[in-house]
Each structure stands twice: as structure tokens, then as C-alpha cells.
N, C-alpha and C. Protein backbone atom coordinates (compact mmCIF):
# COMPACT_ATOMS: atom_id res chain seq x y z
N UNK A 1 -50.08 60.88 2.86
CA UNK A 1 -49.55 60.76 3.92
C UNK A 1 -49.38 59.35 3.96
N UNK A 2 -47.74 58.60 3.83
CA UNK A 2 -47.79 57.54 4.50
C UNK A 2 -47.17 57.45 6.00
N UNK A 3 -47.02 56.34 6.33
CA UNK A 3 -46.68 55.84 7.46
C UNK A 3 -45.29 56.50 7.98
N UNK A 4 -44.44 56.44 7.28
CA UNK A 4 -42.83 56.88 7.52
C UNK A 4 -43.34 58.38 7.85
N UNK A 5 -44.02 59.14 6.89
CA UNK A 5 -43.70 60.75 7.02
C UNK A 5 -44.68 61.22 8.49
N UNK A 6 -45.62 60.09 8.42
CA UNK A 6 -46.38 60.36 9.80
C UNK A 6 -45.54 59.99 11.25
N UNK A 7 -44.89 58.95 11.15
CA UNK A 7 -44.06 58.74 12.26
C UNK A 7 -43.14 60.16 12.56
N UNK A 8 -42.61 60.63 11.02
CA UNK A 8 -41.37 61.75 11.22
C UNK A 8 -42.30 62.93 11.75
N UNK A 9 -43.66 63.07 11.46
CA UNK A 9 -43.99 64.31 11.87
C UNK A 9 -44.51 63.91 13.42
N UNK A 10 -44.73 62.83 14.21
CA UNK A 10 -44.89 62.61 15.19
C UNK A 10 -43.81 63.10 16.19
N UNK A 11 -42.61 62.22 15.78
CA UNK A 11 -41.32 62.36 16.51
C UNK A 11 -41.16 63.99 16.49
N UNK A 12 -41.12 64.58 15.03
CA UNK A 12 -40.70 66.09 15.38
C UNK A 12 -41.77 66.65 16.18
N UNK A 13 -42.92 66.66 16.27
CA UNK A 13 -43.77 67.30 17.21
C UNK A 13 -43.28 66.92 18.64
N UNK A 14 -42.96 65.71 18.87
CA UNK A 14 -42.88 65.47 20.37
C UNK A 14 -41.27 65.90 21.04
N UNK A 15 -40.42 65.95 19.80
CA UNK A 15 -39.06 66.67 19.96
C UNK A 15 -39.27 68.02 20.47
N UNK A 16 -40.30 68.75 19.62
CA UNK A 16 -40.50 69.95 19.79
C UNK A 16 -40.92 70.41 21.10
N UNK A 17 -42.00 69.42 21.86
CA UNK A 17 -42.69 69.63 22.95
C UNK A 17 -41.81 69.41 23.98
N UNK A 18 -41.00 68.38 23.86
CA UNK A 18 -39.89 68.01 24.89
C UNK A 18 -38.52 68.71 24.74
N UNK A 19 -38.35 69.72 24.20
CA UNK A 19 -37.42 70.49 23.69
C UNK A 19 -36.14 69.75 23.22
N UNK A 20 -36.11 68.29 22.88
CA UNK A 20 -35.14 67.60 22.41
C UNK A 20 -34.63 68.00 20.98
N UNK A 21 -33.46 68.06 21.03
CA UNK A 21 -32.88 68.40 19.67
C UNK A 21 -32.96 67.76 18.49
N UNK A 22 -33.47 68.14 17.46
CA UNK A 22 -34.02 67.38 16.03
C UNK A 22 -33.28 66.19 15.56
N UNK A 23 -31.93 66.50 15.51
CA UNK A 23 -31.16 65.38 15.00
C UNK A 23 -31.10 64.23 16.05
N UNK A 24 -31.38 64.34 17.36
CA UNK A 24 -31.51 63.20 17.97
C UNK A 24 -32.65 62.63 18.05
N UNK A 25 -33.61 63.36 18.13
CA UNK A 25 -35.21 62.98 18.15
C UNK A 25 -35.48 62.08 16.47
N UNK A 26 -34.90 62.51 15.49
CA UNK A 26 -34.97 61.94 14.39
C UNK A 26 -34.03 61.26 13.78
N UNK A 27 -32.97 60.95 14.70
CA UNK A 27 -31.76 60.17 14.04
C UNK A 27 -31.29 60.86 12.50
N UNK A 28 -30.98 62.01 12.91
CA UNK A 28 -30.50 62.64 11.78
C UNK A 28 -29.02 62.94 12.31
N UNK A 29 -27.87 63.43 11.31
CA UNK A 29 -26.74 63.62 11.28
C UNK A 29 -26.68 65.30 11.72
N UNK A 30 -25.96 65.60 12.54
CA UNK A 30 -25.52 67.13 12.84
C UNK A 30 -24.32 67.53 11.85
N UNK A 31 -24.38 68.47 10.98
CA UNK A 31 -22.88 68.84 10.31
C UNK A 31 -22.78 69.97 10.45
N UNK A 32 -21.38 70.70 11.01
CA UNK A 32 -21.08 71.77 11.19
C UNK A 32 -19.80 71.91 10.19
N UNK A 33 -20.09 73.07 9.53
CA UNK A 33 -19.01 73.72 8.52
C UNK A 33 -18.23 74.97 8.93
N UNK A 34 -17.10 74.60 9.25
CA UNK A 34 -16.41 75.89 9.64
C UNK A 34 -15.72 76.54 8.58
N UNK A 35 -16.22 77.56 7.85
CA UNK A 35 -15.80 78.05 6.77
C UNK A 35 -15.63 77.05 5.71
N UNK A 36 -14.36 77.21 4.85
CA UNK A 36 -14.32 75.93 3.94
C UNK A 36 -12.90 75.32 4.12
N UNK A 37 -12.83 75.16 5.76
CA UNK A 37 -11.68 74.50 6.33
C UNK A 37 -11.78 73.31 7.04
N UNK A 38 -12.99 73.11 7.43
CA UNK A 38 -13.40 72.13 8.45
C UNK A 38 -14.93 71.71 8.48
N UNK A 39 -15.13 70.24 8.61
CA UNK A 39 -16.33 69.73 8.86
C UNK A 39 -16.33 68.57 10.02
N UNK A 40 -17.46 68.88 10.80
CA UNK A 40 -17.72 68.19 11.81
C UNK A 40 -19.15 67.26 11.77
N UNK A 41 -19.08 66.06 11.71
CA UNK A 41 -20.28 65.35 11.53
C UNK A 41 -20.39 64.49 12.61
N UNK A 42 -21.32 64.75 13.29
CA UNK A 42 -22.03 63.73 14.25
C UNK A 42 -22.88 63.00 14.13
N UNK A 43 -23.12 61.92 15.00
CA UNK A 43 -24.15 60.92 14.48
C UNK A 43 -23.90 60.00 13.08
N UNK A 44 -22.76 60.01 12.95
CA UNK A 44 -22.21 59.11 11.72
C UNK A 44 -22.21 57.61 11.85
N UNK A 45 -22.35 56.71 11.01
CA UNK A 45 -22.19 55.39 11.03
C UNK A 45 -20.73 54.84 10.43
N UNK A 46 -19.72 55.49 9.88
CA UNK A 46 -18.62 54.80 9.73
C UNK A 46 -18.33 55.78 8.28
N UNK A 47 -16.99 55.39 7.85
CA UNK A 47 -16.42 56.13 6.55
C UNK A 47 -16.47 54.85 5.68
N UNK A 48 -16.83 55.43 4.51
CA UNK A 48 -17.09 54.67 3.46
C UNK A 48 -15.89 54.50 2.10
N UNK A 49 -15.50 55.97 2.17
CA UNK A 49 -14.43 56.26 1.13
C UNK A 49 -13.26 57.31 2.09
N UNK A 50 -12.01 57.05 1.93
CA UNK A 50 -11.22 58.42 2.31
C UNK A 50 -9.88 58.62 1.58
N UNK A 51 -9.71 59.74 1.04
CA UNK A 51 -8.77 60.01 0.17
C UNK A 51 -8.73 61.44 0.36
N UNK A 52 -7.15 62.16 -0.20
CA UNK A 52 -6.83 63.60 -0.03
C UNK A 52 -8.05 64.31 -0.73
N UNK A 53 -8.79 63.84 -1.29
CA UNK A 53 -9.69 64.57 -2.54
C UNK A 53 -11.08 64.20 -2.02
N UNK A 54 -11.20 63.24 -1.32
CA UNK A 54 -12.85 62.89 -1.04
C UNK A 54 -13.18 62.13 0.11
N UNK A 55 -14.18 62.03 0.94
CA UNK A 55 -14.27 61.61 2.09
C UNK A 55 -16.00 61.27 1.90
N UNK A 56 -16.21 60.10 2.12
CA UNK A 56 -17.48 59.61 2.07
C UNK A 56 -18.21 59.07 3.66
N UNK A 57 -19.07 59.28 4.18
CA UNK A 57 -19.28 59.05 5.24
C UNK A 57 -20.89 58.59 5.51
N UNK A 58 -20.99 57.50 6.04
CA UNK A 58 -22.52 56.99 6.35
C UNK A 58 -23.09 57.53 7.32
N UNK A 59 -24.27 58.22 7.01
CA UNK A 59 -25.38 58.46 8.03
C UNK A 59 -26.64 57.97 8.01
N UNK A 60 -27.44 58.15 8.94
CA UNK A 60 -28.56 57.11 9.20
C UNK A 60 -29.45 57.68 7.66
N UNK A 61 -29.46 58.48 7.01
CA UNK A 61 -30.14 58.80 6.15
C UNK A 61 -29.48 58.55 4.70
N UNK A 62 -28.62 57.96 4.55
CA UNK A 62 -27.57 57.76 3.47
C UNK A 62 -26.26 57.95 3.74
N UNK A 63 -25.70 58.85 2.72
CA UNK A 63 -24.17 59.27 2.60
C UNK A 63 -24.07 60.96 2.50
N UNK A 64 -22.93 61.22 3.43
CA UNK A 64 -22.57 62.59 3.06
C UNK A 64 -21.32 62.38 2.37
N UNK A 65 -21.03 63.39 1.48
CA UNK A 65 -19.79 63.29 0.55
C UNK A 65 -18.94 64.80 0.76
N UNK A 66 -17.90 64.79 1.00
CA UNK A 66 -17.08 65.95 1.46
C UNK A 66 -15.93 65.82 0.40
N UNK A 67 -15.74 66.93 -0.62
CA UNK A 67 -14.86 66.84 -1.63
C UNK A 67 -14.05 68.01 -1.33
N UNK A 68 -12.50 67.84 -1.72
CA UNK A 68 -11.77 69.04 -1.70
C UNK A 68 -10.34 68.67 -2.15
N UNK A 69 -9.49 69.32 -1.52
CA UNK A 69 -7.87 68.96 -1.60
C UNK A 69 -7.37 68.98 -0.08
N UNK A 70 -6.74 68.13 -0.28
CA UNK A 70 -5.58 68.02 1.09
C UNK A 70 -6.35 67.71 2.07
N UNK A 71 -7.36 66.68 1.92
CA UNK A 71 -8.58 66.46 3.08
C UNK A 71 -7.83 65.53 4.29
N UNK A 72 -7.99 65.77 5.36
CA UNK A 72 -7.53 64.96 6.62
C UNK A 72 -8.27 64.64 7.47
N UNK A 73 -8.37 63.25 7.87
CA UNK A 73 -9.37 62.89 9.17
C UNK A 73 -8.78 63.25 10.46
N UNK A 74 -8.93 64.53 10.95
CA UNK A 74 -8.56 65.01 12.15
C UNK A 74 -8.92 64.23 13.41
N UNK A 75 -10.24 63.93 13.70
CA UNK A 75 -10.82 63.34 14.69
C UNK A 75 -11.63 62.20 14.33
N UNK A 76 -11.60 60.70 14.78
CA UNK A 76 -12.32 59.79 14.48
C UNK A 76 -13.10 59.36 16.03
N UNK A 77 -14.19 59.69 16.60
CA UNK A 77 -14.75 59.15 17.59
C UNK A 77 -16.01 58.17 17.00
N UNK A 78 -16.63 57.34 17.93
CA UNK A 78 -17.74 56.57 17.63
C UNK A 78 -18.90 57.31 16.81
N UNK A 79 -19.05 58.71 17.58
CA UNK A 79 -20.58 59.36 17.08
C UNK A 79 -20.06 60.70 16.50
N UNK A 80 -18.68 61.07 16.30
CA UNK A 80 -18.50 62.01 15.59
C UNK A 80 -17.07 62.16 15.10
N UNK A 81 -17.05 62.80 13.81
CA UNK A 81 -15.84 62.90 13.18
C UNK A 81 -15.34 64.22 12.31
N UNK A 82 -14.04 64.36 12.63
CA UNK A 82 -13.64 65.78 11.97
C UNK A 82 -12.73 65.29 10.57
N UNK A 83 -13.14 66.39 9.74
CA UNK A 83 -12.38 66.48 8.28
C UNK A 83 -12.31 67.60 8.43
N UNK A 84 -10.67 68.12 7.81
CA UNK A 84 -10.21 69.43 7.52
C UNK A 84 -9.24 69.33 6.32
N UNK A 85 -9.30 70.60 5.71
CA UNK A 85 -8.64 70.66 4.39
C UNK A 85 -9.20 71.71 3.73
N UNK A 86 -8.92 71.93 2.16
CA UNK A 86 -9.75 72.72 1.39
C UNK A 86 -10.92 72.37 1.12
N UNK A 87 -12.10 72.80 1.52
CA UNK A 87 -13.47 72.08 1.22
C UNK A 87 -14.15 72.67 0.25
N UNK A 88 -14.44 71.91 -1.02
CA UNK A 88 -14.86 72.58 -1.97
C UNK A 88 -16.50 72.38 -2.28
N UNK A 89 -16.80 71.31 -1.85
CA UNK A 89 -18.17 70.77 -1.75
C UNK A 89 -18.63 69.74 -0.83
N UNK A 90 -20.09 69.75 -0.32
CA UNK A 90 -20.52 68.76 0.72
C UNK A 90 -21.81 68.57 -0.02
N UNK A 91 -21.98 67.31 0.02
CA UNK A 91 -23.40 66.47 -0.46
C UNK A 91 -23.83 65.59 0.13
N UNK A 92 -25.24 65.22 0.09
CA UNK A 92 -26.03 64.21 0.56
C UNK A 92 -26.44 63.15 -0.44
N UNK A 93 -26.21 62.04 -0.74
CA UNK A 93 -26.72 60.95 -1.35
C UNK A 93 -27.72 60.01 -0.81
């Protein structure tokens, strides 16, 4: 087990003990998928690509790609964004 894995394990244990949500303690994105029509991404770092067919969003651990049709950025806040349309796939890079 490397230092990075050990740090994650300690953070996760402390989050459990202190009852802190994992996405905050581990600096992870929180992704909420509502059917196939809406995606809410919290704890993002910005948008890399935006089109009607694809949205790529930077998150602490890499990128999240949302693919579909008629995609629209509904809300863009410093720590949260909302994508609406016909969502066909959600992937992590």
C-alpha cells in the first residue's frame, strides 16, 4: 500500500468517525443523475468542452464526460453545474 492509498484510507476513516460526507473529506465530485434528462455535478473545477452532444467537466480526480443529444448547461455555479437534455452516457476519465 502506497502513501496515497494510506492517506485516502485515513481520510475515509476520519470522515466516517466525524460523520463528514465522503465527497467533502476525499475531495470527490458528487454526481446526481435524474433519469436520463438531468445531471448535477458538485465539486467541479470547470468545463473543458461544451456542445449539444458532449460536455466534459474537470473534477478533482480527472474528467467526467456526459454524452447525449440537445445538451444544455442549465446552471453554472462555482461549485455546482446542471446539464439537461437527452443523456445517453456518463463516463469518467
